[in-house]
PDB file of N, CA and C in Angstrom:
ATOM      1  N   MET A   1       0.844  -1.180   0.000  1.00  0.00           N
ATOM      2  CA  MET A   1       0.000   0.000   0.000  1.00  0.00           C
ATOM      3  C   MET A   1       0.889   1.243   0.000  1.00  0.00           C
ATOM      4  N   VAL A   2       0.496   2.192  -0.807  1.00  0.00           N
ATOM      5  CA  VAL A   2       1.131   3.509  -0.796  1.00  0.00           C
ATOM      6  C   VAL A   2       0.273   4.393   0.095  1.00  0.00           C
ATOM      7  N   PHE A   3       0.917   5.162   0.948  1.00  0.00           N
ATOM      8  CA  PHE A   3       0.174   6.063   1.834  1.00  0.00           C
ATOM      9  C   PHE A   3       1.026   7.292   2.093  1.00  0.00           C
ATOM     10  N   ARG A   4       0.424   8.475   1.899  1.00  0.00           N
ATOM     11  CA  ARG A   4       1.178   9.713   2.133  1.00  0.00           C
ATOM     12  C   ARG A   4       0.225  10.875   2.396  1.00  0.00           C
ATOM     13  N   ALA A   5       0.776  11.881   3.068  1.00  0.00           N
ATOM     14  CA  ALA A   5       0.048  13.132   3.282  1.00  0.00           C
ATOM     15  C   ALA A   5       0.214  13.996   2.037  1.00  0.00           C
ATOM     16  N   GLU A   6      -0.842  14.642   1.611  1.00  0.00           N
ATOM     17  CA  GLU A   6      -0.755  15.565   0.482  1.00  0.00           C
ATOM     18  C   GLU A   6      -0.095  16.882   0.904  1.00  0.00           C
ATOM     19  N   THR A   7      -0.226  17.235   2.173  1.00  0.00           N
ATOM     20  CA  THR A   7       0.380  18.444   2.737  1.00  0.00           C
ATOM     21  C   THR A   7       1.353  18.012   3.824  1.00  0.00           C
ATOM     22  N   GLN A   8       2.606  18.413   3.685  1.00  0.00           N
ATOM     23  CA  GLN A   8       3.618  18.001   4.659  1.00  0.00           C
ATOM     24  C   GLN A   8       3.659  18.892   5.896  1.00  0.00           C
ATOM     25  N   LYS A   9       3.438  20.195   5.703  1.00  0.00           N
ATOM     26  CA  LYS A   9       3.451  21.150   6.816  1.00  0.00           C
ATOM     27  C   LYS A   9       2.316  22.131   6.638  1.00  0.00           C
ATOM     28  N   LEU A  10       1.793  22.579   7.761  1.00  0.00           N
ATOM     29  CA  LEU A  10       0.679  23.515   7.737  1.00  0.00           C
ATOM     30  C   LEU A  10       0.803  24.424   8.944  1.00  0.00           C
ATOM     31  N   LYS A  11       0.785  25.720   8.702  1.00  0.00           N
ATOM     32  CA  LYS A  11       0.774  26.671   9.816  1.00  0.00           C
ATOM     33  C   LYS A  11      -0.691  26.917  10.161  1.00  0.00           C
ATOM     34  N   ILE A  12      -1.038  26.687  11.409  1.00  0.00           N
ATOM     35  CA  ILE A  12      -2.440  26.811  11.809  1.00  0.00           C
ATOM     36  C   ILE A  12      -2.614  27.900  12.853  1.00  0.00           C
ATOM     37  N   HIS A  13      -3.849  28.302  12.994  1.00  0.00           N
ATOM     38  CA  HIS A  13      -4.244  29.249  14.031  1.00  0.00           C
ATOM     39  C   HIS A  13      -5.238  28.525  14.933  1.00  0.00           C
ATOM     40  N   PRO A  14      -4.907  28.314  16.197  1.00  0.00           N
ATOM     41  CA  PRO A  14      -5.831  27.620  17.096  1.00  0.00           C
ATOM     42  C   PRO A  14      -7.236  28.227  17.036  1.00  0.00           C
ATOM     43  N   GLY A  15      -8.222  27.325  16.989  1.00  0.00           N
ATOM     44  CA  GLY A  15      -9.617  27.740  16.916  1.00  0.00           C
ATOM     45  C   GLY A  15     -10.177  27.690  15.506  1.00  0.00           C
ATOM     46  N   ALA A  16      -9.318  27.681  14.490  1.00  0.00           N
ATOM     47  CA  ALA A  16      -9.768  27.609  13.096  1.00  0.00           C
ATOM     48  C   ALA A  16      -9.804  26.140  12.662  1.00  0.00           C
ATOM     49  N   TYR A  17     -10.741  25.823  11.761  1.00  0.00           N
ATOM     50  CA  TYR A  17     -10.868  24.465  11.234  1.00  0.00           C
ATOM     51  C   TYR A  17     -10.052  24.332   9.957  1.00  0.00           C
ATOM     52  N   TYR A  18      -9.435  23.165   9.794  1.00  0.00           N
ATOM     53  CA  TYR A  18      -8.597  22.886   8.623  1.00  0.00           C
ATOM     54  C   TYR A  18      -8.949  21.515   8.076  1.00  0.00           C
ATOM     55  N   THR A  19      -8.740  21.353   6.774  1.00  0.00           N
ATOM     56  CA  THR A  19      -8.880  20.056   6.123  1.00  0.00           C
ATOM     57  C   THR A  19      -7.591  19.755   5.387  1.00  0.00           C
ATOM     58  N   VAL A  20      -7.054  18.574   5.627  1.00  0.00           N
ATOM     59  CA  VAL A  20      -5.880  18.104   4.897  1.00  0.00           C
ATOM     60  C   VAL A  20      -6.235  16.748   4.295  1.00  0.00           C
ATOM     61  N   ASN A  21      -5.607  16.434   3.175  1.00  0.00           N
ATOM     62  CA  ASN A  21      -5.881  15.178   2.488  1.00  0.00           C
ATOM     63  C   ASN A  21      -4.698  14.235   2.574  1.00  0.00           C
ATOM     64  N   PHE A  22      -5.035  12.966   2.695  1.00  0.00           N
ATOM     65  CA  PHE A  22      -4.059  11.891   2.631  1.00  0.00           C
ATOM     66  C   PHE A  22      -4.413  11.036   1.423  1.00  0.00           C
ATOM     67  N   TYR A  23      -3.404  10.410   0.839  1.00  0.00           N
ATOM     68  CA  TYR A  23      -3.615   9.558  -0.314  1.00  0.00           C
ATOM     69  C   TYR A  23      -3.179   8.146   0.036  1.00  0.00           C
ATOM     70  N   ALA A  24      -4.034   7.182  -0.297  1.00  0.00           N
ATOM     71  CA  ALA A  24      -3.702   5.772  -0.107  1.00  0.00           C
ATOM     72  C   ALA A  24      -4.037   5.028  -1.384  1.00  0.00           C
ATOM     73  N   GLU A  25      -3.211   4.053  -1.710  1.00  0.00           N
ATOM     74  CA  GLU A  25      -3.442   3.263  -2.923  1.00  0.00           C
ATOM     75  C   GLU A  25      -3.098   1.799  -2.661  1.00  0.00           C
ATOM     76  N   ASN A  26      -4.033   0.954  -3.021  1.00  0.00           N
ATOM     77  CA  ASN A  26      -3.828  -0.485  -2.957  1.00  0.00           C
ATOM     78  C   ASN A  26      -3.011  -0.889  -4.179  1.00  0.00           C
ATOM     79  N   LYS A  27      -1.792  -1.313  -4.006  1.00  0.00           N
ATOM     80  CA  LYS A  27      -0.913  -1.656  -5.125  1.00  0.00           C
ATOM     81  C   LYS A  27      -1.038  -3.122  -5.528  1.00  0.00           C
ATOM     82  N   THR A  28      -1.968  -3.856  -4.901  1.00  0.00           N
ATOM     83  CA  THR A  28      -2.115  -5.272  -5.199  1.00  0.00           C
ATOM     84  C   THR A  28      -3.243  -5.513  -6.197  1.00  0.00           C
ATOM     85  N   ASP A  29      -3.353  -6.749  -6.628  1.00  0.00           N
ATOM     86  CA  ASP A  29      -4.430  -7.161  -7.531  1.00  0.00           C
ATOM     87  C   ASP A  29      -5.612  -7.749  -6.772  1.00  0.00           C
ATOM     88  N   LYS A  30      -5.627  -7.562  -5.453  1.00  0.00           N
ATOM     89  CA  LYS A  30      -6.699  -8.112  -4.627  1.00  0.00           C
ATOM     90  C   LYS A  30      -7.340  -6.990  -3.820  1.00  0.00           C
ATOM     91  N   PRO A  31      -8.634  -7.142  -3.492  1.00  0.00           N
ATOM     92  CA  PRO A  31      -9.272  -6.156  -2.616  1.00  0.00           C
ATOM     93  C   PRO A  31      -8.551  -6.120  -1.266  1.00  0.00           C
ATOM     94  N   MET A  32      -8.613  -4.965  -0.616  1.00  0.00           N
ATOM     95  CA  MET A  32      -7.951  -4.801   0.670  1.00  0.00           C
ATOM     96  C   MET A  32      -8.844  -4.012   1.610  1.00  0.00           C
ATOM     97  N   VAL A  33      -8.841  -4.410   2.876  1.00  0.00           N
ATOM     98  CA  VAL A  33      -9.504  -3.659   3.935  1.00  0.00           C
ATOM     99  C   VAL A  33      -8.403  -3.204   4.876  1.00  0.00           C
ATOM    100  N   ALA A  34      -8.378  -1.914   5.170  1.00  0.00           N
ATOM    101  CA  ALA A  34      -7.308  -1.361   6.009  1.00  0.00           C
ATOM    102  C   ALA A  34      -7.897  -0.423   7.052  1.00  0.00           C
ATOM    103  N   GLN A  35      -7.190  -0.285   8.152  1.00  0.00           N
ATOM    104  CA  GLN A  35      -7.589   0.621   9.228  1.00  0.00           C
ATOM    105  C   GLN A  35      -6.394   1.497   9.581  1.00  0.00           C
ATOM    106  N   ALA A  36      -6.617   2.801   9.624  1.00  0.00           N
ATOM    107  CA  ALA A  36      -5.557   3.739   9.998  1.00  0.00           C
ATOM    108  C   ALA A  36      -5.655   4.041  11.492  1.00  0.00           C
ATOM    109  N   ILE A  37      -4.515   4.010  12.150  1.00  0.00           N
ATOM    110  CA  ILE A  37      -4.435   4.340  13.572  1.00  0.00           C
ATOM    111  C   ILE A  37      -3.631   5.635  13.690  1.00  0.00           C
ATOM    112  N   PRO A  38      -4.225   6.691  14.267  1.00  0.00           N
ATOM    113  CA  PRO A  38      -3.520   7.971  14.358  1.00  0.00           C
ATOM    114  C   PRO A  38      -2.598   8.033  15.579  1.00  0.00           C
ATOM    115  N   SER A  39      -1.608   8.882  15.480  1.00  0.00           N
ATOM    116  CA  SER A  39      -0.792   9.238  16.637  1.00  0.00           C
ATOM    117  C   SER A  39      -0.466  10.725  16.546  1.00  0.00           C
ATOM    118  N   ILE A  40      -0.362  11.351  17.697  1.00  0.00           N
ATOM    119  CA  ILE A  40      -0.065  12.775  17.780  1.00  0.00           C
ATOM    120  C   ILE A  40       1.144  12.956  18.680  1.00  0.00           C
ATOM    121  N   SER A  41       2.043  13.785  18.227  1.00  0.00           N
ATOM    122  CA  SER A  41       3.253  14.065  18.999  1.00  0.00           C
ATOM    123  C   SER A  41       3.425  15.574  19.100  1.00  0.00           C
ATOM    124  N   PRO A  42       3.787  16.096  20.266  1.00  0.00           N
ATOM    125  CA  PRO A  42       3.950  15.399  21.539  1.00  0.00           C
ATOM    126  C   PRO A  42       2.608  14.896  22.066  1.00  0.00           C
ATOM    127  N   GLY A  43       2.667  13.784  22.789  1.00  0.00           N
ATOM    128  CA  GLY A  43       1.453  13.129  23.265  1.00  0.00           C
ATOM    129  C   GLY A  43       0.526  14.022  24.074  1.00  0.00           C
ATOM    130  N   LEU A  44       1.092  14.937  24.872  1.00  0.00           N
ATOM    131  CA  LEU A  44       0.257  15.809  25.704  1.00  0.00           C
ATOM    132  C   LEU A  44      -0.541  16.818  24.876  1.00  0.00           C
ATOM    133  N   ALA A  45      -0.126  17.057  23.642  1.00  0.00           N
ATOM    134  CA  ALA A  45      -0.860  17.983  22.770  1.00  0.00           C
ATOM    135  C   ALA A  45      -2.132  17.353  22.220  1.00  0.00           C
ATOM    136  N   ALA A  46      -2.249  16.031  22.322  1.00  0.00           N
ATOM    137  CA  ALA A  46      -3.406  15.330  21.757  1.00  0.00           C
ATOM    138  C   ALA A  46      -4.733  15.832  22.329  1.00  0.00           C
ATOM    139  N   GLU A  47      -4.747  16.253  23.579  1.00  0.00           N
ATOM    140  CA  GLU A  47      -6.006  16.715  24.162  1.00  0.00           C
ATOM    141  C   GLU A  47      -6.465  18.048  23.568  1.00  0.00           C
ATOM    142  N   TYR A  48      -5.615  18.712  22.830  1.00  0.00           N
ATOM    143  CA  TYR A  48      -5.957  19.987  22.186  1.00  0.00           C
ATOM    144  C   TYR A  48      -6.253  19.830  20.701  1.00  0.00           C
ATOM    145  N   PHE A  49      -6.069  18.625  20.187  1.00  0.00           N
ATOM    146  CA  PHE A  49      -6.237  18.339  18.756  1.00  0.00           C
ATOM    147  C   PHE A  49      -7.526  17.553  18.584  1.00  0.00           C
ATOM    148  N   ASN A  50      -8.497  18.136  17.881  1.00  0.00           N
ATOM    149  CA  ASN A  50      -9.810  17.517  17.737  1.00  0.00           C
ATOM    150  C   ASN A  50     -10.115  17.249  16.264  1.00  0.00           C
ATOM    151  N   LYS A  51     -10.175  15.969  15.887  1.00  0.00           N
ATOM    152  CA  LYS A  51     -10.562  15.593  14.521  1.00  0.00           C
ATOM    153  C   LYS A  51     -12.088  15.525  14.456  1.00  0.00           C
ATOM    154  N   THR A  52     -12.687  16.244  13.513  1.00  0.00           N
ATOM    155  CA  THR A  52     -14.134  16.191  13.340  1.00  0.00           C
ATOM    156  C   THR A  52     -14.520  15.256  12.205  1.00  0.00           C
ATOM    157  N   GLU A  53     -13.590  14.983  11.305  1.00  0.00           N
ATOM    158  CA  GLU A  53     -13.795  14.048  10.203  1.00  0.00           C
ATOM    159  C   GLU A  53     -12.452  13.380   9.947  1.00  0.00           C
ATOM    160  N   CYS A  54     -12.468  12.050   9.835  1.00  0.00           N
ATOM    161  CA  CYS A  54     -11.202  11.356   9.601  1.00  0.00           C
ATOM    162  C   CYS A  54     -11.451   9.975   9.013  1.00  0.00           C
ATOM    163  N   PHE A  55     -10.669   9.618   8.032  1.00  0.00           N
ATOM    164  CA  PHE A  55     -10.731   8.280   7.451  1.00  0.00           C
ATOM    165  C   PHE A  55     -10.364   7.221   8.487  1.00  0.00           C
ATOM    166  N   CYS A  56      -9.718   7.639   9.574  1.00  0.00           N
ATOM    167  CA  CYS A  56      -9.323   6.698  10.628  1.00  0.00           C
ATOM    168  C   CYS A  56     -10.503   6.266  11.502  1.00  0.00           C
ATOM    169  N   PHE A  57     -11.651   6.916  11.366  1.00  0.00           N
ATOM    170  CA  PHE A  57     -12.810   6.559  12.176  1.00  0.00           C
ATOM    171  C   PHE A  57     -13.412   5.212  11.759  1.00  0.00           C
ATOM    172  N   THR A  58     -13.163   4.796  10.513  1.00  0.00           N
ATOM    173  CA  THR A  58     -13.744   3.556   9.992  1.00  0.00           C
ATOM    174  C   THR A  58     -12.710   2.794   9.166  1.00  0.00           C
ATOM    175  N   GLU A  59     -12.980   1.505   8.956  1.00  0.00           N
ATOM    176  CA  GLU A  59     -12.150   0.725   8.045  1.00  0.00           C
ATOM    177  C   GLU A  59     -12.328   1.257   6.632  1.00  0.00           C
ATOM    178  N   GLN A  60     -11.277   1.172   5.852  1.00  0.00           N
ATOM    179  CA  GLN A  60     -11.313   1.613   4.458  1.00  0.00           C
ATOM    180  C   GLN A  60     -11.189   0.392   3.553  1.00  0.00           C
ATOM    181  N   THR A  61     -12.083   0.297   2.571  1.00  0.00           N
ATOM    182  CA  THR A  61     -12.047  -0.803   1.618  1.00  0.00           C
ATOM    183  C   THR A  61     -11.501  -0.277   0.293  1.00  0.00           C
ATOM    184  N   PHE A  62     -10.521  -0.988  -0.245  1.00  0.00           N
ATOM    185  CA  PHE A  62      -9.889  -0.617  -1.504  1.00  0.00           C
ATOM    186  C   PHE A  62     -10.071  -1.740  -2.513  1.00  0.00           C
ATOM    187  N   LYS A  63     -10.489  -1.383  -3.697  1.00  0.00           N
ATOM    188  CA  LYS A  63     -10.516  -2.340  -4.803  1.00  0.00           C
ATOM    189  C   LYS A  63      -9.069  -2.563  -5.259  1.00  0.00           C
ATOM    190  N   PRO A  64      -8.830  -3.614  -6.048  1.00  0.00           N
ATOM    191  CA  PRO A  64      -7.477  -3.810  -6.577  1.00  0.00           C
ATOM    192  C   PRO A  64      -6.999  -2.566  -7.331  1.00  0.00           C
ATOM    193  N   ARG A  65      -5.795  -2.113  -7.011  1.00  0.00           N
ATOM    194  CA  ARG A  65      -5.151  -0.957  -7.671  1.00  0.00           C
ATOM    195  C   ARG A  65      -5.882   0.365  -7.452  1.00  0.00           C
ATOM    196  N   GLU A  66      -6.828   0.414  -6.529  1.00  0.00           N
ATOM    197  CA  GLU A  66      -7.588   1.647  -6.284  1.00  0.00           C
ATOM    198  C   GLU A  66      -6.802   2.613  -5.406  1.00  0.00           C
ATOM    199  N   GLY A  67      -6.856   3.891  -5.774  1.00  0.00           N
ATOM    200  CA  GLY A  67      -6.292   4.961  -4.970  1.00  0.00           C
ATOM    201  C   GLY A  67      -7.404   5.873  -4.478  1.00  0.00           C
ATOM    202  N   LYS A  68      -7.229   6.444  -3.281  1.00  0.00           N
ATOM    203  CA  LYS A  68      -8.245   7.324  -2.706  1.00  0.00           C
ATOM    204  C   LYS A  68      -7.589   8.536  -2.062  1.00  0.00           C
ATOM    205  N   LEU A  69      -8.236   9.685  -2.220  1.00  0.00           N
ATOM    206  CA  LEU A  69      -7.915  10.859  -1.404  1.00  0.00           C
ATOM    207  C   LEU A  69      -8.839  10.817  -0.205  1.00  0.00           C
ATOM    208  N   MET A  70      -8.262  10.950   0.970  1.00  0.00           N
ATOM    209  CA  MET A  70      -9.041  10.823   2.197  1.00  0.00           C
ATOM    210  C   MET A  70      -8.805  12.047   3.076  1.00  0.00           C
ATOM    211  N   PRO A  71      -9.871  12.795   3.397  1.00  0.00           N
ATOM    212  CA  PRO A  71      -9.715  14.021   4.176  1.00  0.00           C
ATOM    213  C   PRO A  71      -9.674  13.791   5.685  1.00  0.00           C
ATOM    214  N   VAL A  72      -8.993  14.703   6.332  1.00  0.00           N
ATOM    215  CA  VAL A  72      -9.022  14.818   7.788  1.00  0.00           C
ATOM    216  C   VAL A  72      -9.377  16.274   8.077  1.00  0.00           C
ATOM    217  N   ARG A  73     -10.436  16.478   8.821  1.00  0.00           N
ATOM    218  CA  ARG A  73     -10.842  17.831   9.218  1.00  0.00           C
ATOM    219  C   ARG A  73     -10.603  17.941  10.716  1.00  0.00           C
ATOM    220  N   PHE A  74      -9.959  19.033  11.110  1.00  0.00           N
ATOM    221  CA  PHE A  74      -9.572  19.159  12.517  1.00  0.00           C
ATOM    222  C   PHE A  74      -9.534  20.612  12.954  1.00  0.00           C
ATOM    223  N   VAL A  75      -9.494  20.770  14.271  1.00  0.00           N
ATOM    224  CA  VAL A  75      -9.299  22.065  14.898  1.00  0.00           C
ATOM    225  C   VAL A  75      -8.354  21.848  16.074  1.00  0.00           C
ATOM    226  N   VAL A  76      -7.480  22.786  16.295  1.00  0.00           N
ATOM    227  CA  VAL A  76      -6.647  22.798  17.497  1.00  0.00           C
ATOM    228  C   VAL A  76      -7.295  23.797  18.442  1.00  0.00           C
ATOM    229  N   LYS A  77      -7.566  23.344  19.644  1.00  0.00           N
ATOM    230  CA  LYS A  77      -8.279  24.189  20.606  1.00  0.00           C
ATOM    231  C   LYS A  77      -7.501  25.477  20.902  1.00  0.00           C
ATOM    232  N   PRO A  78      -8.225  26.577  21.044  1.00  0.00           N
ATOM    233  CA  PRO A  78      -7.579  27.874  21.285  1.00  0.00           C
ATOM    234  C   PRO A  78      -6.752  27.938  22.566  1.00  0.00           C
ATOM    235  N   ASP A  79      -7.047  27.069  23.538  1.00  0.00           N
ATOM    236  CA  ASP A  79      -6.301  27.122  24.795  1.00  0.00           C
ATOM    237  C   ASP A  79      -5.022  26.262  24.760  1.00  0.00           C
ATOM    238  N   LEU A  80      -4.566  25.928  23.561  1.00  0.00           N
ATOM    239  CA  LEU A  80      -3.305  25.197  23.407  1.00  0.00           C
ATOM    240  C   LEU A  80      -2.184  25.962  24.108  1.00  0.00           C
ATOM    241  N   PRO A  81      -1.478  25.331  25.049  1.00  0.00           N
ATOM    242  CA  PRO A  81      -0.386  26.030  25.727  1.00  0.00           C
ATOM    243  C   PRO A  81       0.698  26.471  24.740  1.00  0.00           C
ATOM    244  N   GLU A  82       1.276  27.611  24.999  1.00  0.00           N
ATOM    245  CA  GLU A  82       2.281  28.179  24.084  1.00  0.00           C
ATOM    246  C   GLU A  82       3.519  27.319  23.948  1.00  0.00           C
ATOM    247  N   GLN A  83       3.749  26.403  24.876  1.00  0.00           N
ATOM    248  CA  GLN A  83       4.927  25.544  24.788  1.00  0.00           C
ATOM    249  C   GLN A  83       4.882  24.623  23.572  1.00  0.00           C
ATOM    250  N   TYR A  84       3.697  24.406  23.013  1.00  0.00           N
ATOM    251  CA  TYR A  84       3.565  23.528  21.843  1.00  0.00           C
ATOM    252  C   TYR A  84       3.664  24.353  20.568  1.00  0.00           C
ATOM    253  N   LYS A  85       4.817  24.348  19.972  1.00  0.00           N
ATOM    254  CA  LYS A  85       5.050  25.096  18.723  1.00  0.00           C
ATOM    255  C   LYS A  85       4.820  24.213  17.495  1.00  0.00           C
ATOM    256  N   THR A  86       5.007  22.898  17.663  1.00  0.00           N
ATOM    257  CA  THR A  86       4.840  21.942  16.567  1.00  0.00           C
ATOM    258  C   THR A  86       4.047  20.753  17.071  1.00  0.00           C
ATOM    259  N   ILE A  87       3.026  20.385  16.310  1.00  0.00           N
ATOM    260  CA  ILE A  87       2.260  19.170  16.582  1.00  0.00           C
ATOM    261  C   ILE A  87       2.362  18.312  15.322  1.00  0.00           C
ATOM    262  N   THR A  88       2.691  17.044  15.498  1.00  0.00           N
ATOM    263  CA  THR A  88       2.810  16.130  14.372  1.00  0.00           C
ATOM    264  C   THR A  88       1.686  15.107  14.426  1.00  0.00           C
ATOM    265  N   LEU A  89       0.941  15.017  13.334  1.00  0.00           N
ATOM    266  CA  LEU A  89      -0.110  14.016  13.174  1.00  0.00           C
ATOM    267  C   LEU A  89       0.419  12.952  12.230  1.00  0.00           C
ATOM    268  N   ALA A  90       0.390  11.699  12.650  1.00  0.00           N
ATOM    269  CA  ALA A  90       0.879  10.597  11.823  1.00  0.00           C
ATOM    270  C   ALA A  90      -0.122   9.449  11.872  1.00  0.00           C
ATOM    271  N   TYR A  91      -0.084   8.610  10.861  1.00  0.00           N
ATOM    272  CA  TYR A  91      -0.965   7.446  10.790  1.00  0.00           C
ATOM    273  C   TYR A  91      -0.157   6.211  10.439  1.00  0.00           C
ATOM    274  N   THR A  92      -0.597   5.090  10.985  1.00  0.00           N
ATOM    275  CA  THR A  92      -0.101   3.787  10.576  1.00  0.00           C
ATOM    276  C   THR A  92      -1.296   3.027  10.028  1.00  0.00           C
ATOM    277  N   PHE A  93      -1.164   2.512   8.803  1.00  0.00           N
ATOM    278  CA  PHE A  93      -2.237   1.745   8.170  1.00  0.00           C
ATOM    279  C   PHE A  93      -1.984   0.263   8.407  1.00  0.00           C
ATOM    280  N   PHE A  94      -3.003  -0.442   8.881  1.00  0.00           N
ATOM    281  CA  PHE A  94      -2.910  -1.878   9.094  1.00  0.00           C
ATOM    282  C   PHE A  94      -3.827  -2.597   8.115  1.00  0.00           C
ATOM    283  N   ASP A  95      -3.309  -3.626   7.471  1.00  0.00           N
ATOM    284  CA  ASP A  95      -4.087  -4.459   6.566  1.00  0.00           C
ATOM    285  C   ASP A  95      -4.969  -5.374   7.414  1.00  0.00           C
ATOM    286  N   LYS A  96      -6.280  -5.239   7.277  1.00  0.00           N
ATOM    287  CA  LYS A  96      -7.221  -6.055   8.034  1.00  0.00           C
ATOM    288  C   LYS A  96      -8.009  -7.003   7.125  1.00  0.00           C
ATOM    289  N   THR A  97      -7.487  -7.211   5.922  1.00  0.00           N
ATOM    290  CA  THR A  97      -8.155  -8.077   4.966  1.00  0.00           C
ATOM    291  C   THR A  97      -8.196  -9.497   5.523  1.00  0.00           C
ATOM    292  N   LYS A  98      -9.362 -10.090   5.487  1.00  0.00           N
ATOM    293  CA  LYS A  98      -9.502 -11.465   5.943  1.00  0.00           C
ATOM    294  C   LYS A  98      -8.985 -12.405   4.856  1.00  0.00           C
ATOM    295  N   THR A  99      -8.103 -13.298   5.234  1.00  0.00           N
ATOM    296  CA  THR A  99      -7.574 -14.283   4.274  1.00  0.00           C
ATOM    297  C   THR A  99      -8.283 -15.602   4.487  1.00  0.00           C
ATOM    298  N   GLN A 100      -8.435 -16.337   3.412  1.00  0.00           N
ATOM    299  CA  GLN A 100      -9.148 -17.619   3.511  1.00  0.00           C
ATOM    300  C   GLN A 100      -8.218 -18.770   3.264  1.00  0.00           C
TER     301      GLN A 100
END
C-alpha cells in the first residue's frame, strides 16, 4: 500500500478548522480492507487536537489498484499552551483483509 500526506506542513491558528488530504493506494491485484491508527506528537498535545472528520474513524475498503484521497478535518483548541510550537499528526495503516 502507498500512503502519504498531500500536505507536509501547515501553519495553523488555534480555533480555526482545517482540512488536509491523505492519499492511499492499494498496489495489489486483490481487494484490501485497512484501518488507519492515528498518533499525535507530543502526546500531551493530543487533548488539544480535535478531529471532526477522519478516514481513521472507519475501516477503508480498496478495490485492486484503487487509490483514494481521504480528508481529515480538525481544529486545534484555542487554549493550546504556548509551549507547543509543533504538533505532528501521523498514521499507521494496518491491513485487516480477511484471508481464507
